[in-house]
C-alpha atoms as a PDB file:
ATOM      1  CA  MET A   1       0.000   0.000   0.000  1.00  0.00           C
ATOM      2  CA  HIS A   2       2.790   2.432   0.910  1.00  0.00           C
ATOM      3  CA  ARG A   3       4.610   1.585  -2.332  1.00  0.00           C
ATOM      4  CA  LEU A   4       1.440   2.283  -4.318  1.00  0.00           C
ATOM      5  CA  ILE A   5       1.007   5.653  -2.589  1.00  0.00           C
ATOM      6  CA  THR A   6       4.654   6.510  -3.294  1.00  0.00           C
ATOM      7  CA  ILE A   7       4.315   5.640  -6.984  1.00  0.00           C
ATOM      8  CA  GLY A   8       1.071   7.611  -7.259  1.00  0.00           C
ATOM      9  CA  SER A   9       2.597  10.623  -5.500  1.00  0.00           C
ATOM     10  CA  TRP A  10       5.589  10.714  -7.833  1.00  0.00           C
ATOM     11  CA  ALA A  11       3.306  10.354 -10.846  1.00  0.00           C
ATOM     12  CA  LEU A  12       1.225  13.326  -9.673  1.00  0.00           C
ATOM     13  CA  ILE A  13       4.341  15.407  -8.964  1.00  0.00           C
ATOM     14  CA  ILE A  14       5.592  14.775 -12.514  1.00  0.00           C
ATOM     15  CA  LEU A  15       2.182  15.606 -14.010  1.00  0.00           C
ATOM     16  CA  LEU A  16       1.992  18.799 -11.932  1.00  0.00           C
ATOM     17  CA  PHE A  17       5.419  19.788 -13.200  1.00  0.00           C
ATOM     18  CA  LEU A  18       4.507  19.045 -16.824  1.00  0.00           C
ATOM     19  CA  GLN A  19       1.063  20.717 -16.710  1.00  0.00           C
ATOM     20  CA  PRO A  20       1.191  23.669 -14.277  1.00  0.00           C
ATOM     21  CA  GLY A  21      -1.492  25.549 -16.215  1.00  0.00           C
ATOM     22  CA  ILE A  22      -3.938  22.642 -15.990  1.00  0.00           C
ATOM     23  CA  ALA A  23      -3.134  22.225 -12.289  1.00  0.00           C
ATOM     24  CA  HIS A  24      -3.881  25.899 -11.679  1.00  0.00           C
ATOM     25  CA  LYS A  25      -7.120  25.656 -13.646  1.00  0.00           C
ATOM     26  CA  GLY A  26      -8.156  22.620 -11.577  1.00  0.00           C
ATOM     27  CA  ALA A  27      -7.328  24.336  -8.297  1.00  0.00           C
ATOM     28  CA  VAL A  28      -9.353  27.403  -9.311  1.00  0.00           C
ATOM     29  CA  GLU A  29     -12.301  25.187 -10.267  1.00  0.00           C
ATOM     30  CA  GLY A  30     -12.010  23.368  -6.930  1.00  0.00           C
ATOM     31  CA  MET A  31     -12.074  26.712  -5.126  1.00  0.00           C
ATOM     32  CA  ARG A  32     -15.137  27.729  -7.123  1.00  0.00           C
ATOM     33  CA  ILE A  33     -16.982  24.504  -6.306  1.00  0.00           C
ATOM     34  CA  PHE A  34     -16.171  24.813  -2.612  1.00  0.00           C
ATOM     35  CA  THR A  35     -16.901  28.535  -2.161  1.00  0.00           C
ATOM     36  CA  THR A  36     -20.004  28.810  -4.352  1.00  0.00           C
ATOM     37  CA  ALA A  37     -21.626  25.364  -4.217  1.00  0.00           C
ATOM     38  CA  LEU A  38     -20.609  23.812  -0.892  1.00  0.00           C
ATOM     39  CA  LEU A  39     -19.657  26.479   1.651  1.00  0.00           C
ATOM     40  CA  PRO A  40     -22.883  28.557   1.566  1.00  0.00           C
ATOM     41  CA  TYR A  41     -24.985  25.471   2.252  1.00  0.00           C
ATOM     42  CA  LEU A  42     -22.687  23.494   4.532  1.00  0.00           C
ATOM     43  CA  LEU A  43     -21.572  26.231   6.917  1.00  0.00           C
ATOM     44  CA  PRO A  44     -24.946  27.181   8.464  1.00  0.00           C
ATOM     45  CA  TYR A  45     -26.117  23.566   8.503  1.00  0.00           C
ATOM     46  CA  LEU A  46     -22.966  22.313  10.224  1.00  0.00           C
ATOM     47  CA  VAL A  47     -23.054  25.041  12.878  1.00  0.00           C
ATOM     48  CA  ILE A  48     -26.720  24.380  13.642  1.00  0.00           C
ATOM     49  CA  THR A  49     -26.391  20.588  13.795  1.00  0.00           C
ATOM     50  CA  GLN A  50     -23.200  20.720  15.864  1.00  0.00           C
ATOM     51  CA  LEU A  51     -24.970  23.081  18.282  1.00  0.00           C
ATOM     52  CA  PHE A  52     -28.057  20.871  18.244  1.00  0.00           C
ATOM     53  CA  ILE A  53     -26.273  17.641  19.151  1.00  0.00           C
ATOM     54  CA  ARG A  54     -24.304  19.367  21.935  1.00  0.00           C
ATOM     55  CA  SER A  55     -27.437  20.586  23.669  1.00  0.00           C
ATOM     56  CA  GLN A  56     -29.254  18.366  26.146  1.00  0.00           C
ATOM     57  CA  ASN A  57     -31.997  17.504  23.691  1.00  0.00           C
ATOM     58  CA  SER A  58     -34.294  14.475  23.988  1.00  0.00           C
ATOM     59  CA  PHE A  59     -34.116  14.142  20.189  1.00  0.00           C
ATOM     60  CA  LEU A  60     -30.819  12.261  20.615  1.00  0.00           C
ATOM     61  CA  ILE A  61     -30.874  11.264  24.284  1.00  0.00           C
ATOM     62  CA  THR A  62     -32.970   8.102  24.378  1.00  0.00           C
ATOM     63  CA  THR A  63     -32.664   4.364  24.987  1.00  0.00           C
ATOM     64  CA  ASN A  64     -35.206   3.683  22.232  1.00  0.00           C
ATOM     65  CA  LYS A  65     -32.967   2.416  19.431  1.00  0.00           C
ATOM     66  CA  PHE A  66     -35.586   2.995  16.721  1.00  0.00           C
ATOM     67  CA  LYS A  67     -35.930   6.641  17.738  1.00  0.00           C
ATOM     68  CA  LEU A  68     -32.199   7.270  18.139  1.00  0.00           C
ATOM     69  CA  TYR A  69     -31.047   5.700  14.878  1.00  0.00           C
ATOM     70  CA  PHE A  70     -33.870   7.127  12.777  1.00  0.00           C
ATOM     71  CA  ASN A  71     -33.166  10.580  14.217  1.00  0.00           C
ATOM     72  CA  VAL A  72     -29.472  10.232  13.372  1.00  0.00           C
ATOM     73  CA  TYR A  73     -30.461   9.181   9.854  1.00  0.00           C
ATOM     74  CA  LEU A  74     -32.775  12.195   9.560  1.00  0.00           C
ATOM     75  CA  LEU A  75     -29.970  14.612  10.494  1.00  0.00           C
ATOM     76  CA  SER A  76     -27.666  12.916   7.986  1.00  0.00           C
ATOM     77  CA  ALA A  77     -30.280  12.907   5.219  1.00  0.00           C
ATOM     78  CA  ILE A  78     -31.005  16.626   5.528  1.00  0.00           C
ATOM     79  CA  GLY A  79     -27.354  17.624   5.317  1.00  0.00           C
ATOM     80  CA  GLY A  80     -26.137  14.976   2.893  1.00  0.00           C
ATOM     81  CA  PHE A  81     -22.563  13.762   2.726  1.00  0.00           C
ATOM     82  CA  PRO A  82     -20.131  14.561   4.293  1.00  0.00           C
ATOM     83  CA  SER A  83     -22.347  16.387   6.818  1.00  0.00           C
ATOM     84  CA  GLY A  84     -23.867  13.064   7.906  1.00  0.00           C
ATOM     85  CA  ALA A  85     -20.438  11.645   8.653  1.00  0.00           C
ATOM     86  CA  ALA A  86     -19.587  14.777  10.662  1.00  0.00           C
ATOM     87  CA  VAL A  87     -22.757  14.335  12.736  1.00  0.00           C
ATOM     88  CA  ILE A  88     -22.043  10.657  13.394  1.00  0.00           C
ATOM     89  CA  ALA A  89     -18.394  11.338  14.291  1.00  0.00           C
ATOM     90  CA  SER A  90     -19.480  14.064  16.721  1.00  0.00           C
ATOM     91  CA  LEU A  91     -22.072  11.788  18.338  1.00  0.00           C
ATOM     92  CA  LYS A  92     -19.390   9.111  18.718  1.00  0.00           C
ATOM     93  CA  ASP A  93     -17.045  11.623  20.410  1.00  0.00           C
ATOM     94  CA  LEU A  94     -19.855  12.790  22.691  1.00  0.00           C
ATOM     95  CA  GLY A  95     -20.680   9.221  23.763  1.00  0.00           C
ATOM     96  CA  THR A  96     -24.141   9.039  22.202  1.00  0.00           C
ATOM     97  CA  LEU A  97     -22.973   6.291  19.823  1.00  0.00           C
ATOM     98  CA  ASN A  98     -20.503   3.515  20.501  1.00  0.00           C
ATOM     99  CA  LYS A  99     -17.855   2.384  18.011  1.00  0.00           C
ATOM    100  CA  ASN A 100     -19.870  -0.472  16.520  1.00  0.00           C
ATOM    101  CA  ASN A 101     -23.117   1.452  16.045  1.00  0.00           C
ATOM    102  CA  ALA A 102     -21.269   4.484  14.680  1.00  0.00           C
ATOM    103  CA  SER A 103     -19.557   2.205  12.143  1.00  0.00           C
ATOM    104  CA  TRP A 104     -22.896   0.802  10.921  1.00  0.00           C
ATOM    105  CA  LEU A 105     -24.546   4.231  10.772  1.00  0.00           C
ATOM    106  CA  LEU A 106     -21.571   5.688   8.892  1.00  0.00           C
ATOM    107  CA  ALA A 107     -22.084   2.998   6.250  1.00  0.00           C
ATOM    108  CA  ILE A 108     -25.870   3.337   6.060  1.00  0.00           C
ATOM    109  CA  CYS A 109     -26.418   7.108   6.479  1.00  0.00           C
ATOM    110  CA  HIS A 110     -24.716   8.021   3.211  1.00  0.00           C
ATOM    111  CA  ALA A 111     -26.703  10.134   0.773  1.00  0.00           C
ATOM    112  CA  PRO A 112     -26.279  13.398  -1.147  1.00  0.00           C
ATOM    113  CA  SER A 113     -28.186  16.441   0.022  1.00  0.00           C
ATOM    114  CA  PRO A 114     -31.745  16.898  -1.317  1.00  0.00           C
ATOM    115  CA  MET A 115     -30.829  20.306  -2.751  1.00  0.00           C
ATOM    116  CA  PHE A 116     -27.983  18.782  -4.769  1.00  0.00           C
ATOM    117  CA  VAL A 117     -29.978  15.861  -6.212  1.00  0.00           C
ATOM    118  CA  ILE A 118     -33.212  17.714  -6.930  1.00  0.00           C
ATOM    119  CA  GLY A 119     -31.739  21.092  -7.887  1.00  0.00           C
ATOM    120  CA  PHE A 120     -28.456  20.331  -9.623  1.00  0.00           C
ATOM    121  CA  VAL A 121     -28.922  16.752 -10.874  1.00  0.00           C
ATOM    122  CA  GLY A 122     -32.661  16.852 -11.533  1.00  0.00           C
ATOM    123  CA  ILE A 123     -33.088  20.310 -13.008  1.00  0.00           C
ATOM    124  CA  GLU A 124     -29.683  21.089 -14.565  1.00  0.00           C
ATOM    125  CA  ILE A 125     -28.561  17.618 -15.708  1.00  0.00           C
ATOM    126  CA  PHE A 126     -31.813  15.723 -16.385  1.00  0.00           C
ATOM    127  CA  HIS A 127     -33.885  18.876 -17.060  1.00  0.00           C
ATOM    128  CA  ALA A 128     -36.665  17.236 -15.076  1.00  0.00           C
ATOM    129  CA  GLU A 129     -37.158  17.896 -11.375  1.00  0.00           C
ATOM    130  CA  ILE A 130     -39.167  14.685 -11.008  1.00  0.00           C
ATOM    131  CA  ALA A 131     -36.120  12.648 -12.117  1.00  0.00           C
ATOM    132  CA  GLY A 132     -34.063  14.156  -9.290  1.00  0.00           C
ATOM    133  CA  ILE A 133     -36.828  13.409  -6.797  1.00  0.00           C
ATOM    134  CA  LYS A 134     -37.040   9.815  -8.068  1.00  0.00           C
ATOM    135  CA  LEU A 135     -33.275   9.297  -7.662  1.00  0.00           C
ATOM    136  CA  LEU A 136     -33.335  10.785  -4.162  1.00  0.00           C
ATOM    137  CA  LEU A 137     -36.238   8.539  -3.117  1.00  0.00           C
ATOM    138  CA  ILE A 138     -34.427   5.451  -4.424  1.00  0.00           C
ATOM    139  CA  ILE A 139     -31.254   6.294  -2.499  1.00  0.00           C
ATOM    140  CA  HIS A 140     -33.150   6.821   0.755  1.00  0.00           C
ATOM    141  CA  ALA A 141     -35.380   3.778   0.213  1.00  0.00           C
ATOM    142  CA  VAL A 142     -32.299   1.562  -0.124  1.00  0.00           C
ATOM    143  CA  ASN A 143     -30.665   3.167   2.917  1.00  0.00           C
ATOM    144  CA  LEU A 144     -33.797   2.874   5.048  1.00  0.00           C
ATOM    145  CA  VAL A 145     -34.117  -0.837   4.275  1.00  0.00           C
ATOM    146  CA  PHE A 146     -30.537  -1.324   5.470  1.00  0.00           C
ATOM    147  CA  LEU A 147     -31.234   0.879   8.501  1.00  0.00           C
ATOM    148  CA  LEU A 148     -34.350  -1.067   9.474  1.00  0.00           C
ATOM    149  CA  VAL A 149     -32.486  -4.392   9.264  1.00  0.00           C
ATOM    150  CA  PHE A 150     -29.652  -2.947  11.362  1.00  0.00           C
ATOM    151  CA  ILE A 151     -32.054  -1.621  14.017  1.00  0.00           C
ATOM    152  CA  ILE A 152     -33.893  -4.946  14.281  1.00  0.00           C
ATOM    153  CA  LEU A 153     -30.669  -6.940  14.623  1.00  0.00           C
ATOM    154  CA  SER A 154     -28.781  -4.482  16.849  1.00  0.00           C
ATOM    155  CA  PRO A 155     -28.735  -5.008  20.629  1.00  0.00           C
ATOM    156  CA  PRO A 156     -30.826  -2.790  22.933  1.00  0.00           C
ATOM    157  CA  ILE A 157     -29.416   0.542  24.064  1.00  0.00           C
ATOM    158  CA  HIS A 158     -28.491   0.736  27.731  1.00  0.00           C
ATOM    159  CA  GLU A 159     -28.156   3.902  29.767  1.00  0.00           C
ATOM    160  CA  ASN A 160     -24.490   3.399  30.530  1.00  0.00           C
ATOM    161  CA  MET A 161     -23.676   3.320  26.799  1.00  0.00           C
ATOM    162  CA  HIS A 162     -24.895   6.875  26.298  1.00  0.00           C
ATOM    163  CA  VAL A 163     -23.253   9.162  28.786  1.00  0.00           C
ATOM    164  CA  GLN A 164     -23.370  12.574  27.183  1.00  0.00           C
ATOM    165  CA  LYS A 165     -20.329  14.731  27.852  1.00  0.00           C
ATOM    166  CA  SER A 166     -21.247  18.081  29.328  1.00  0.00           C
ATOM    167  CA  SER A 167     -20.459  21.196  27.319  1.00  0.00           C
ATOM    168  CA  ASP A 168     -19.619  24.532  28.944  1.00  0.00           C
ATOM    169  CA  SER A 169     -19.906  26.494  25.702  1.00  0.00           C
ATOM    170  CA  PRO A 170     -21.902  24.599  23.023  1.00  0.00           C
ATOM    171  CA  PHE A 171     -21.824  27.445  20.480  1.00  0.00           C
ATOM    172  CA  GLN A 172     -18.065  27.979  20.757  1.00  0.00           C
ATOM    173  CA  GLU A 173     -17.417  24.249  20.427  1.00  0.00           C
ATOM    174  CA  SER A 174     -19.795  24.076  17.459  1.00  0.00           C
ATOM    175  CA  ILE A 175     -17.925  26.857  15.658  1.00  0.00           C
ATOM    176  CA  LYS A 176     -14.579  25.184  16.373  1.00  0.00           C
ATOM    177  CA  GLU A 177     -15.758  21.803  15.101  1.00  0.00           C
ATOM    178  CA  THR A 178     -17.385  23.382  12.024  1.00  0.00           C
ATOM    179  CA  TYR A 179     -14.292  25.213  10.796  1.00  0.00           C
ATOM    180  CA  GLN A 180     -12.212  22.041  11.194  1.00  0.00           C
ATOM    181  CA  ILE A 181     -14.736  20.086   9.124  1.00  0.00           C
ATOM    182  CA  LEU A 182     -14.953  22.826   6.473  1.00  0.00           C
ATOM    183  CA  LEU A 183     -11.158  23.028   6.253  1.00  0.00           C
ATOM    184  CA  LEU A 184     -11.056  19.282   5.624  1.00  0.00           C
ATOM    185  CA  ILE A 185     -13.809  19.472   2.990  1.00  0.00           C
ATOM    186  CA  GLY A 186     -12.300  22.484   1.217  1.00  0.00           C
ATOM    187  CA  THR A 187      -8.826  20.945   1.099  1.00  0.00           C
ATOM    188  CA  THR A 188     -10.005  17.614  -0.297  1.00  0.00           C
ATOM    189  CA  VAL A 189     -12.346  19.204  -2.867  1.00  0.00           C
ATOM    190  CA  ILE A 190      -9.620  21.524  -4.213  1.00  0.00           C
ATOM    191  CA  PHE A 191      -6.962  18.797  -4.211  1.00  0.00           C
ATOM    192  CA  PHE A 192      -9.028  16.123  -5.924  1.00  0.00           C
ATOM    193  CA  THR A 193     -10.517  18.564  -8.424  1.00  0.00           C
ATOM    194  CA  THR A 194      -6.953  19.523  -9.371  1.00  0.00           C
ATOM    195  CA  VAL A 195      -5.971  15.862  -9.687  1.00  0.00           C
ATOM    196  CA  SER A 196      -9.099  15.204 -11.735  1.00  0.00           C
ATOM    197  CA  PHE A 197      -8.231  17.979 -14.201  1.00  0.00           C
ATOM    198  CA  ILE A 198      -4.640  16.765 -14.596  1.00  0.00           C
ATOM    199  CA  VAL A 199      -5.559  13.108 -15.111  1.00  0.00           C
ATOM    200  CA  PHE A 200      -8.460  14.034 -17.413  1.00  0.00           C
ATOM    201  CA  GLU A 201      -6.287  16.186 -19.692  1.00  0.00           C
ATOM    202  CA  THR A 202      -3.472  13.616 -19.660  1.00  0.00           C
ATOM    203  CA  VAL A 203      -5.822  10.814 -20.701  1.00  0.00           C
ATOM    204  CA  LYS A 204      -7.240  12.994 -23.497  1.00  0.00           C
ATOM    205  CA  GLU A 205      -3.726  13.680 -24.828  1.00  0.00           C
ATOM    206  CA  VAL A 206      -2.528  10.077 -24.620  1.00  0.00           C
ATOM    207  CA  LEU A 207      -5.804   8.577 -25.910  1.00  0.00           C
ATOM    208  CA  PRO A 208      -7.443  11.197 -28.165  1.00  0.00           C
ATOM    209  CA  ASN A 209     -10.067   8.728 -29.421  1.00  0.00           C
ATOM    210  CA  ILE A 210     -11.164   7.545 -25.978  1.00  0.00           C
ATOM    211  CA  SER A 211     -14.888   6.980 -25.438  1.00  0.00           C
ATOM    212  CA  PRO A 212     -16.801   9.895 -23.834  1.00  0.00           C
ATOM    213  CA  ILE A 213     -18.176   7.481 -21.234  1.00  0.00           C
ATOM    214  CA  LEU A 214     -14.629   6.564 -20.153  1.00  0.00           C
ATOM    215  CA  LEU A 215     -13.710  10.251 -19.979  1.00  0.00           C
ATOM    216  CA  VAL A 216     -16.704  10.840 -17.696  1.00  0.00           C
ATOM    217  CA  PHE A 217     -15.566   7.910 -15.552  1.00  0.00           C
ATOM    218  CA  VAL A 218     -12.064   9.383 -15.246  1.00  0.00           C
ATOM    219  CA  ALA A 219     -13.438  12.788 -14.206  1.00  0.00           C
ATOM    220  CA  SER A 220     -15.946  11.385 -11.708  1.00  0.00           C
ATOM    221  CA  LEU A 221     -13.446   8.984 -10.148  1.00  0.00           C
ATOM    222  CA  PHE A 222     -11.904  11.817  -8.160  1.00  0.00           C
ATOM    223  CA  GLU A 223     -14.638  14.452  -7.777  1.00  0.00           C
ATOM    224  CA  MET A 224     -18.353  13.715  -8.089  1.00  0.00           C
ATOM    225  CA  THR A 225     -19.736  17.148  -8.986  1.00  0.00           C
ATOM    226  CA  GLY A 226     -17.321  17.700 -11.849  1.00  0.00           C
ATOM    227  CA  GLY A 227     -17.991  14.214 -13.193  1.00  0.00           C
ATOM    228  CA  ILE A 228     -21.744  14.773 -13.198  1.00  0.00           C
ATOM    229  CA  SER A 229     -21.340  18.131 -14.962  1.00  0.00           C
ATOM    230  CA  LEU A 230     -19.173  16.506 -17.628  1.00  0.00           C
ATOM    231  CA  ALA A 231     -21.686  13.669 -18.054  1.00  0.00           C
ATOM    232  CA  GLY A 232     -24.448  16.222 -18.614  1.00  0.00           C
ATOM    233  CA  GLU A 233     -22.366  17.941 -21.310  1.00  0.00           C
ATOM    234  CA  MET A 234     -20.923  14.925 -23.146  1.00  0.00           C
ATOM    235  CA  LEU A 235     -23.838  12.499 -22.841  1.00  0.00           C
ATOM    236  CA  SER A 236     -26.790  14.869 -23.193  1.00  0.00           C
ATOM    237  CA  GLY A 237     -29.695  13.002 -24.779  1.00  0.00           C
ATOM    238  CA  SER A 238     -28.100   9.592 -24.308  1.00  0.00           C
ATOM    239  CA  MET A 239     -30.289   6.834 -22.873  1.00  0.00           C
ATOM    240  CA  PHE A 240     -27.367   5.865 -20.641  1.00  0.00           C
ATOM    241  CA  LEU A 241     -27.142   9.287 -18.936  1.00  0.00           C
ATOM    242  CA  PRO A 242     -29.492   8.401 -16.014  1.00  0.00           C
ATOM    243  CA  PHE A 243     -27.615   5.155 -15.318  1.00  0.00           C
ATOM    244  CA  ILE A 244     -24.199   6.847 -15.467  1.00  0.00           C
ATOM    245  CA  VAL A 245     -25.198   9.786 -13.247  1.00  0.00           C
ATOM    246  CA  ALA A 246     -26.787   7.414 -10.721  1.00  0.00           C
ATOM    247  CA  SER A 247     -23.565   5.347 -10.783  1.00  0.00           C
ATOM    248  CA  ILE A 248     -21.451   8.456 -10.151  1.00  0.00           C
ATOM    249  CA  ILE A 249     -23.606   9.461  -7.176  1.00  0.00           C
ATOM    250  CA  ALA A 250     -23.597   5.901  -5.825  1.00  0.00           C
ATOM    251  CA  PHE A 251     -19.780   5.849  -6.018  1.00  0.00           C
ATOM    252  CA  SER A 252     -19.547   9.476  -4.762  1.00  0.00           C
ATOM    253  CA  GLY A 253     -15.911  10.017  -5.766  1.00  0.00           C
ATOM    254  CA  ILE A 254     -12.597   9.678  -3.951  1.00  0.00           C
ATOM    255  CA  SER A 255     -12.880  13.251  -2.652  1.00  0.00           C
ATOM    256  CA  ILE A 256     -16.058  12.453  -0.684  1.00  0.00           C
ATOM    257  CA  HIS A 257     -14.630   9.159   0.556  1.00  0.00           C
ATOM    258  CA  MET A 258     -11.479  10.818   1.863  1.00  0.00           C
ATOM    259  CA  GLN A 259     -13.519  13.454   3.713  1.00  0.00           C
ATOM    260  CA  ILE A 260     -15.635  10.780   5.390  1.00  0.00           C
ATOM    261  CA  ILE A 261     -12.704   8.467   6.146  1.00  0.00           C
ATOM    262  CA  VAL A 262     -10.734  11.284   7.799  1.00  0.00           C
ATOM    263  CA  LEU A 263     -13.763  12.243   9.918  1.00  0.00           C
ATOM    264  CA  ALA A 264     -14.261   8.587  10.862  1.00  0.00           C
ATOM    265  CA  GLN A 265     -10.632   7.989  11.785  1.00  0.00           C
ATOM    266  CA  LYS A 266     -10.591  11.145  13.861  1.00  0.00           C
ATOM    267  CA  ALA A 267     -13.480   9.696  15.918  1.00  0.00           C
ATOM    268  CA  ASN A 268     -11.936   6.185  15.890  1.00  0.00           C
ATOM    269  CA  ILE A 269     -14.777   4.717  13.818  1.00  0.00           C
ATOM    270  CA  PRO A 270     -13.958   1.607  11.695  1.00  0.00           C
ATOM    271  CA  ILE A 271     -14.521   2.127   7.965  1.00  0.00           C
ATOM    272  CA  ARG A 272     -14.771  -1.436   6.598  1.00  0.00           C
ATOM    273  CA  LYS A 273     -18.573  -1.397   6.673  1.00  0.00           C
ATOM    274  CA  TYR A 274     -18.576   2.007   4.955  1.00  0.00           C
ATOM    275  CA  ILE A 275     -16.452   0.670   2.085  1.00  0.00           C
ATOM    276  CA  LEU A 276     -18.605  -2.469   1.754  1.00  0.00           C
ATOM    277  CA  PHE A 277     -21.817  -0.439   1.555  1.00  0.00           C
ATOM    278  CA  ARG A 278     -20.397   1.776  -1.189  1.00  0.00           C
ATOM    279  CA  PHE A 279     -20.037  -1.309  -3.389  1.00  0.00           C
ATOM    280  CA  LEU A 280     -23.604  -2.311  -2.518  1.00  0.00           C
ATOM    281  CA  HIS A 281     -24.817   1.175  -3.492  1.00  0.00           C
ATOM    282  CA  MET A 282     -23.021   0.925  -6.829  1.00  0.00           C
ATOM    283  CA  LEU A 283     -24.720  -2.397  -7.541  1.00  0.00           C
ATOM    284  CA  ILE A 284     -28.246  -1.484  -6.451  1.00  0.00           C
ATOM    285  CA  ILE A 285     -29.006   2.220  -6.964  1.00  0.00           C
ATOM    286  CA  PRO A 286     -28.109   2.674 -10.683  1.00  0.00           C
ATOM    287  CA  ILE A 287     -30.097  -0.414 -11.672  1.00  0.00           C
ATOM    288  CA  LEU A 288     -33.191   0.670  -9.710  1.00  0.00           C
ATOM    289  CA  PHE A 289     -33.029   4.181 -11.174  1.00  0.00           C
ATOM    290  CA  PHE A 290     -32.541   2.929 -14.737  1.00  0.00           C
ATOM    291  CA  LEU A 291     -35.514   0.557 -14.556  1.00  0.00           C
END
């Protein structure tokens, strides 16, 4: 693994050296995506949810496992990824969730925000709001089936498993946690957008006759939003566009995965279940949406 990372790092360094203009263009695009598409929506939501879960609120303080896990899913669904992972990591740090339950919820509570799917994907890519709503409903239907099975099979919640840590200044702690999360998100979005641009342009130069679908795959491998935008441009009118866009969202992109994995590792949450469920999403969601 370390050797693979070393080889990949040297390859990227060489590509950065050979294509500084493309790297700059990618970094600027990453900044644009973060500051105009992500930051305005994520910042207020993260502050509010971080403040919410630090207050002594019965919404999350309960021994009823159905109530607790559905409420955690609701918070994750409203914010979308990686906000859901940030909520789960915070609840793990606060003692509301233990390591095992946090690991399952991290895997299950993974969905894009409603605004992104309905607004950007539905209206701008599919030119049909109903298509975005349909895709969103499929994603949550699949997740809720997994969640229900997990709740039924999970052991009961005992009082001593949920000792909430007291907070002297919930708002100050919420602000501190939010800027750390946003710094992580901004860094990964800019970095992987830059990498996406470099690899995309390199592949186009080496293989000028490459299929548009493969080019979309290359772009979406690193950063989801850019890949979806490219799919809308290159595959407009194609019958495969819904399947490909659903596949991109189900995969989510390395940028999203790195954000969630870093948040999970910071809270000492295992990520094997998260990785397994991403493969399940890729197998189930595109097929259901295409049918």
